[in-house]
Amino acid sequence: MKMIEQLYIAVAALLGSKSKTKIEECHQMLNESLYDLIGMSEETILRLSYKDVISII
């Protein structure tokens, strides 16, 4: 439940800031949130198979 709440907060922050900030800042915010949630960056996650990502989560 805590991970779902963290994801909800991250998505809300991204949606709230999309009109106020640049795309790069939103991308950085998303990457930081991913790292906080599962300990990996977007780049690392994209290298894994979807099965590996699901098993990690």
PDB file of N, CA and C in Angstrom:
ATOM      1  N   MET A   1       0.827  -1.195   0.000  1.00  0.00           N
ATOM      2  CA  MET A   1       0.000   0.000   0.000  1.00  0.00           C
ATOM      3  C   MET A   1       0.874   1.263   0.000  1.00  0.00           C
ATOM      4  N   LYS A   2       2.006   1.176   0.708  1.00  0.00           N
ATOM      5  CA  LYS A   2       2.890   2.335   0.767  1.00  0.00           C
ATOM      6  C   LYS A   2       3.449   2.661  -0.615  1.00  0.00           C
ATOM      7  N   MET A   3       3.790   1.637  -1.404  1.00  0.00           N
ATOM      8  CA  MET A   3       4.309   1.859  -2.754  1.00  0.00           C
ATOM      9  C   MET A   3       3.248   2.488  -3.650  1.00  0.00           C
ATOM     10  N   ILE A   4       2.021   2.059  -3.499  1.00  0.00           N
ATOM     11  CA  ILE A   4       0.927   2.631  -4.294  1.00  0.00           C
ATOM     12  C   ILE A   4       0.740   4.098  -3.936  1.00  0.00           C
ATOM     13  N   GLU A   5       0.800   4.406  -2.656  1.00  0.00           N
ATOM     14  CA  GLU A   5       0.670   5.796  -2.217  1.00  0.00           C
ATOM     15  C   GLU A   5       1.818   6.643  -2.761  1.00  0.00           C
ATOM     16  N   GLN A   6       3.033   6.125  -2.733  1.00  0.00           N
ATOM     17  CA  GLN A   6       4.185   6.862  -3.260  1.00  0.00           C
ATOM     18  C   GLN A   6       4.034   7.094  -4.766  1.00  0.00           C
ATOM     19  N   LEU A   7       3.561   6.080  -5.479  1.00  0.00           N
ATOM     20  CA  LEU A   7       3.348   6.221  -6.915  1.00  0.00           C
ATOM     21  C   LEU A   7       2.270   7.256  -7.193  1.00  0.00           C
ATOM     22  N   TYR A   8       1.199   7.236  -6.426  1.00  0.00           N
ATOM     23  CA  TYR A   8       0.128   8.217  -6.576  1.00  0.00           C
ATOM     24  C   TYR A   8       0.654   9.642  -6.372  1.00  0.00           C
ATOM     25  N   ILE A   9       1.460   9.839  -5.357  1.00  0.00           N
ATOM     26  CA  ILE A   9       2.032  11.161  -5.077  1.00  0.00           C
ATOM     27  C   ILE A   9       2.925  11.608  -6.221  1.00  0.00           C
ATOM     28  N   ALA A  10       3.740  10.687  -6.744  1.00  0.00           N
ATOM     29  CA  ALA A  10       4.646  11.018  -7.844  1.00  0.00           C
ATOM     30  C   ALA A  10       3.860  11.402  -9.100  1.00  0.00           C
ATOM     31  N   VAL A  11       2.850  10.633  -9.436  1.00  0.00           N
ATOM     32  CA  VAL A  11       2.039  10.929 -10.623  1.00  0.00           C
ATOM     33  C   VAL A  11       1.296  12.250 -10.449  1.00  0.00           C
ATOM     34  N   ALA A  12       0.764  12.483  -9.283  1.00  0.00           N
ATOM     35  CA  ALA A  12       0.067  13.749  -9.021  1.00  0.00           C
ATOM     36  C   ALA A  12       1.016  14.933  -9.165  1.00  0.00           C
ATOM     37  N   ALA A  13       2.234  14.774  -8.673  1.00  0.00           N
ATOM     38  CA  ALA A  13       3.214  15.846  -8.793  1.00  0.00           C
ATOM     39  C   ALA A  13       3.563  16.100 -10.252  1.00  0.00           C
ATOM     40  N   LEU A  14       3.715  15.036 -11.022  1.00  0.00           N
ATOM     41  CA  LEU A  14       4.025  15.189 -12.445  1.00  0.00           C
ATOM     42  C   LEU A  14       2.883  15.869 -13.196  1.00  0.00           C
ATOM     43  N   LEU A  15       1.674  15.431 -12.940  1.00  0.00           N
ATOM     44  CA  LEU A  15       0.521  16.026 -13.616  1.00  0.00           C
ATOM     45  C   LEU A  15       0.335  17.483 -13.215  1.00  0.00           C
ATOM     46  N   GLY A  16       0.605  17.778 -11.971  1.00  0.00           N
ATOM     47  CA  GLY A  16       0.467  19.146 -11.495  1.00  0.00           C
ATOM     48  C   GLY A  16       1.533  20.077 -12.029  1.00  0.00           C
ATOM     49  N   SER A  17       2.694  19.518 -12.356  1.00  0.00           N
ATOM     50  CA  SER A  17       3.799  20.368 -12.789  1.00  0.00           C
ATOM     51  C   SER A  17       3.981  20.412 -14.296  1.00  0.00           C
ATOM     52  N   LYS A  18       3.238  19.611 -15.046  1.00  0.00           N
ATOM     53  CA  LYS A  18       3.482  19.535 -16.482  1.00  0.00           C
ATOM     54  C   LYS A  18       3.269  20.867 -17.188  1.00  0.00           C
ATOM     55  N   SER A  19       2.369  21.666 -16.687  1.00  0.00           N
ATOM     56  CA  SER A  19       2.139  22.946 -17.343  1.00  0.00           C
ATOM     57  C   SER A  19       3.078  24.035 -16.821  1.00  0.00           C
ATOM     58  N   LYS A  20       3.734  23.779 -15.698  1.00  0.00           N
ATOM     59  CA  LYS A  20       4.581  24.792 -15.077  1.00  0.00           C
ATOM     60  C   LYS A  20       6.067  24.604 -15.376  1.00  0.00           C
ATOM     61  N   THR A  21       6.481  23.375 -15.698  1.00  0.00           N
ATOM     62  CA  THR A  21       7.903  23.111 -15.858  1.00  0.00           C
ATOM     63  C   THR A  21       8.207  22.527 -17.228  1.00  0.00           C
ATOM     64  N   LYS A  22       9.484  22.359 -17.478  1.00  0.00           N
ATOM     65  CA  LYS A  22       9.927  21.787 -18.736  1.00  0.00           C
ATOM     66  C   LYS A  22       9.827  20.268 -18.693  1.00  0.00           C
ATOM     67  N   ILE A  23       9.798  19.687 -19.865  1.00  0.00           N
ATOM     68  CA  ILE A  23       9.714  18.238 -19.989  1.00  0.00           C
ATOM     69  C   ILE A  23      10.884  17.563 -19.282  1.00  0.00           C
ATOM     70  N   GLU A  24      12.073  18.114 -19.407  1.00  0.00           N
ATOM     71  CA  GLU A  24      13.250  17.506 -18.787  1.00  0.00           C
ATOM     72  C   GLU A  24      13.112  17.430 -17.267  1.00  0.00           C
ATOM     73  N   GLU A  25      12.520  18.454 -16.681  1.00  0.00           N
ATOM     74  CA  GLU A  25      12.326  18.452 -15.230  1.00  0.00           C
ATOM     75  C   GLU A  25      11.327  17.378 -14.814  1.00  0.00           C
ATOM     76  N   CYS A  26      10.274  17.199 -15.608  1.00  0.00           N
ATOM     77  CA  CYS A  26       9.295  16.146 -15.320  1.00  0.00           C
ATOM     78  C   CYS A  26       9.942  14.777 -15.464  1.00  0.00           C
ATOM     79  N   HIS A  27      10.774  14.621 -16.480  1.00  0.00           N
ATOM     80  CA  HIS A  27      11.460  13.357 -16.677  1.00  0.00           C
ATOM     81  C   HIS A  27      12.378  13.057 -15.494  1.00  0.00           C
ATOM     82  N   GLN A  28      13.084  14.056 -15.025  1.00  0.00           N
ATOM     83  CA  GLN A  28      13.958  13.880 -13.864  1.00  0.00           C
ATOM     84  C   GLN A  28      13.139  13.527 -12.621  1.00  0.00           C
ATOM     85  N   MET A  29      12.005  14.174 -12.446  1.00  0.00           N
ATOM     86  CA  MET A  29      11.138  13.891 -11.298  1.00  0.00           C
ATOM     87  C   MET A  29      10.632  12.447 -11.362  1.00  0.00           C
ATOM     88  N   LEU A  30      10.266  11.994 -12.551  1.00  0.00           N
ATOM     89  CA  LEU A  30       9.808  10.628 -12.728  1.00  0.00           C
ATOM     90  C   LEU A  30      10.924   9.639 -12.415  1.00  0.00           C
ATOM     91  N   ASN A  31      12.118   9.926 -12.892  1.00  0.00           N
ATOM     92  CA  ASN A  31      13.259   9.052 -12.650  1.00  0.00           C
ATOM     93  C   ASN A  31      13.569   8.958 -11.160  1.00  0.00           C
ATOM     94  N   GLU A  32      13.517  10.079 -10.459  1.00  0.00           N
ATOM     95  CA  GLU A  32      13.751  10.079  -9.015  1.00  0.00           C
ATOM     96  C   GLU A  32      12.686   9.270  -8.286  1.00  0.00           C
ATOM     97  N   SER A  33      11.445   9.396  -8.734  1.00  0.00           N
ATOM     98  CA  SER A  33      10.355   8.647  -8.107  1.00  0.00           C
ATOM     99  C   SER A  33      10.522   7.155  -8.336  1.00  0.00           C
ATOM    100  N   LEU A  34      10.908   6.778  -9.547  1.00  0.00           N
ATOM    101  CA  LEU A  34      11.160   5.368  -9.828  1.00  0.00           C
ATOM    102  C   LEU A  34      12.265   4.824  -8.929  1.00  0.00           C
ATOM    103  N   TYR A  35      13.317   5.604  -8.788  1.00  0.00           N
ATOM    104  CA  TYR A  35      14.433   5.160  -7.953  1.00  0.00           C
ATOM    105  C   TYR A  35      13.989   5.017  -6.492  1.00  0.00           C
ATOM    106  N   ASP A  36      13.182   5.963  -6.028  1.00  0.00           N
ATOM    107  CA  ASP A  36      12.682   5.882  -4.650  1.00  0.00           C
ATOM    108  C   ASP A  36      11.793   4.661  -4.447  1.00  0.00           C
ATOM    109  N   LEU A  37      10.986   4.327  -5.458  1.00  0.00           N
ATOM    110  CA  LEU A  37      10.041   3.223  -5.331  1.00  0.00           C
ATOM    111  C   LEU A  37      10.706   1.854  -5.436  1.00  0.00           C
ATOM    112  N   ILE A  38      11.574   1.678  -6.433  1.00  0.00           N
ATOM    113  CA  ILE A  38      12.124   0.341  -6.644  1.00  0.00           C
ATOM    114  C   ILE A  38      13.648   0.290  -6.679  1.00  0.00           C
ATOM    115  N   GLY A  39      14.284   1.423  -6.456  1.00  0.00           N
ATOM    116  CA  GLY A  39      15.738   1.430  -6.358  1.00  0.00           C
ATOM    117  C   GLY A  39      16.471   1.340  -7.677  1.00  0.00           C
ATOM    118  N   MET A  40      15.773   1.638  -8.771  1.00  0.00           N
ATOM    119  CA  MET A  40      16.397   1.587 -10.086  1.00  0.00           C
ATOM    120  C   MET A  40      15.972   2.791 -10.917  1.00  0.00           C
ATOM    121  N   SER A  41      16.853   3.177 -11.815  1.00  0.00           N
ATOM    122  CA  SER A  41      16.528   4.278 -12.712  1.00  0.00           C
ATOM    123  C   SER A  41      15.707   3.766 -13.889  1.00  0.00           C
ATOM    124  N   GLU A  42      15.141   4.681 -14.636  1.00  0.00           N
ATOM    125  CA  GLU A  42      14.372   4.333 -15.825  1.00  0.00           C
ATOM    126  C   GLU A  42      15.250   3.556 -16.807  1.00  0.00           C
ATOM    127  N   GLU A  43      16.481   3.991 -16.968  1.00  0.00           N
ATOM    128  CA  GLU A  43      17.400   3.333 -17.905  1.00  0.00           C
ATOM    129  C   GLU A  43      17.591   1.859 -17.537  1.00  0.00           C
ATOM    130  N   THR A  44      17.776   1.591 -16.261  1.00  0.00           N
ATOM    131  CA  THR A  44      17.953   0.212 -15.799  1.00  0.00           C
ATOM    132  C   THR A  44      16.687  -0.593 -16.018  1.00  0.00           C
ATOM    133  N   ILE A  45      15.553  -0.013 -15.697  1.00  0.00           N
ATOM    134  CA  ILE A  45      14.272  -0.704 -15.862  1.00  0.00           C
ATOM    135  C   ILE A  45      14.023  -1.048 -17.323  1.00  0.00           C
ATOM    136  N   LEU A  46      14.364  -0.141 -18.223  1.00  0.00           N
ATOM    137  CA  LEU A  46      14.133  -0.382 -19.651  1.00  0.00           C
ATOM    138  C   LEU A  46      15.013  -1.501 -20.194  1.00  0.00           C
ATOM    139  N   ARG A  47      16.117  -1.790 -19.550  1.00  0.00           N
ATOM    140  CA  ARG A  47      17.005  -2.872 -19.981  1.00  0.00           C
ATOM    141  C   ARG A  47      16.497  -4.246 -19.553  1.00  0.00           C
ATOM    142  N   LEU A  48      15.626  -4.278 -18.567  1.00  0.00           N
ATOM    143  CA  LEU A  48      15.117  -5.544 -18.039  1.00  0.00           C
ATOM    144  C   LEU A  48      13.888  -5.996 -18.827  1.00  0.00           C
ATOM    145  N   SER A  49      13.618  -7.287 -18.764  1.00  0.00           N
ATOM    146  CA  SER A  49      12.376  -7.790 -19.357  1.00  0.00           C
ATOM    147  C   SER A  49      11.216  -7.407 -18.436  1.00  0.00           C
ATOM    148  N   TYR A  50      10.023  -7.401 -18.983  1.00  0.00           N
ATOM    149  CA  TYR A  50       8.862  -7.054 -18.155  1.00  0.00           C
ATOM    150  C   TYR A  50       8.676  -8.050 -17.028  1.00  0.00           C
ATOM    151  N   LYS A  51       9.031  -9.323 -17.252  1.00  0.00           N
ATOM    152  CA  LYS A  51       8.931 -10.319 -16.193  1.00  0.00           C
ATOM    153  C   LYS A  51       9.870 -10.005 -15.032  1.00  0.00           C
ATOM    154  N   ASP A  52      11.079  -9.560 -15.360  1.00  0.00           N
ATOM    155  CA  ASP A  52      12.030  -9.189 -14.311  1.00  0.00           C
ATOM    156  C   ASP A  52      11.540  -7.978 -13.517  1.00  0.00           C
ATOM    157  N   VAL A  53      10.992  -6.998 -14.220  1.00  0.00           N
ATOM    158  CA  VAL A  53      10.480  -5.806 -13.545  1.00  0.00           C
ATOM    159  C   VAL A  53       9.336  -6.178 -12.604  1.00  0.00           C
ATOM    160  N   ILE A  54       8.430  -7.022 -13.071  1.00  0.00           N
ATOM    161  CA  ILE A  54       7.309  -7.438 -12.236  1.00  0.00           C
ATOM    162  C   ILE A  54       7.792  -8.212 -11.018  1.00  0.00           C
ATOM    163  N   SER A  55       8.774  -9.073 -11.192  1.00  0.00           N
ATOM    164  CA  SER A  55       9.270  -9.842 -10.044  1.00  0.00           C
ATOM    165  C   SER A  55       9.980  -8.937  -9.037  1.00  0.00           C
ATOM    166  N   ILE A  56      10.627  -7.880  -9.505  1.00  0.00           N
ATOM    167  CA  ILE A  56      11.301  -6.939  -8.608  1.00  0.00           C
ATOM    168  C   ILE A  56      10.276  -6.138  -7.817  1.00  0.00           C
ATOM    169  N   ILE A  57       9.252  -5.704  -8.491  1.00  0.00           N
ATOM    170  CA  ILE A  57       8.220  -4.899  -7.833  1.00  0.00           C
ATOM    171  C   ILE A  57       7.460  -5.763  -6.864  1.00  0.00           C
TER     172      ILE A  57
END
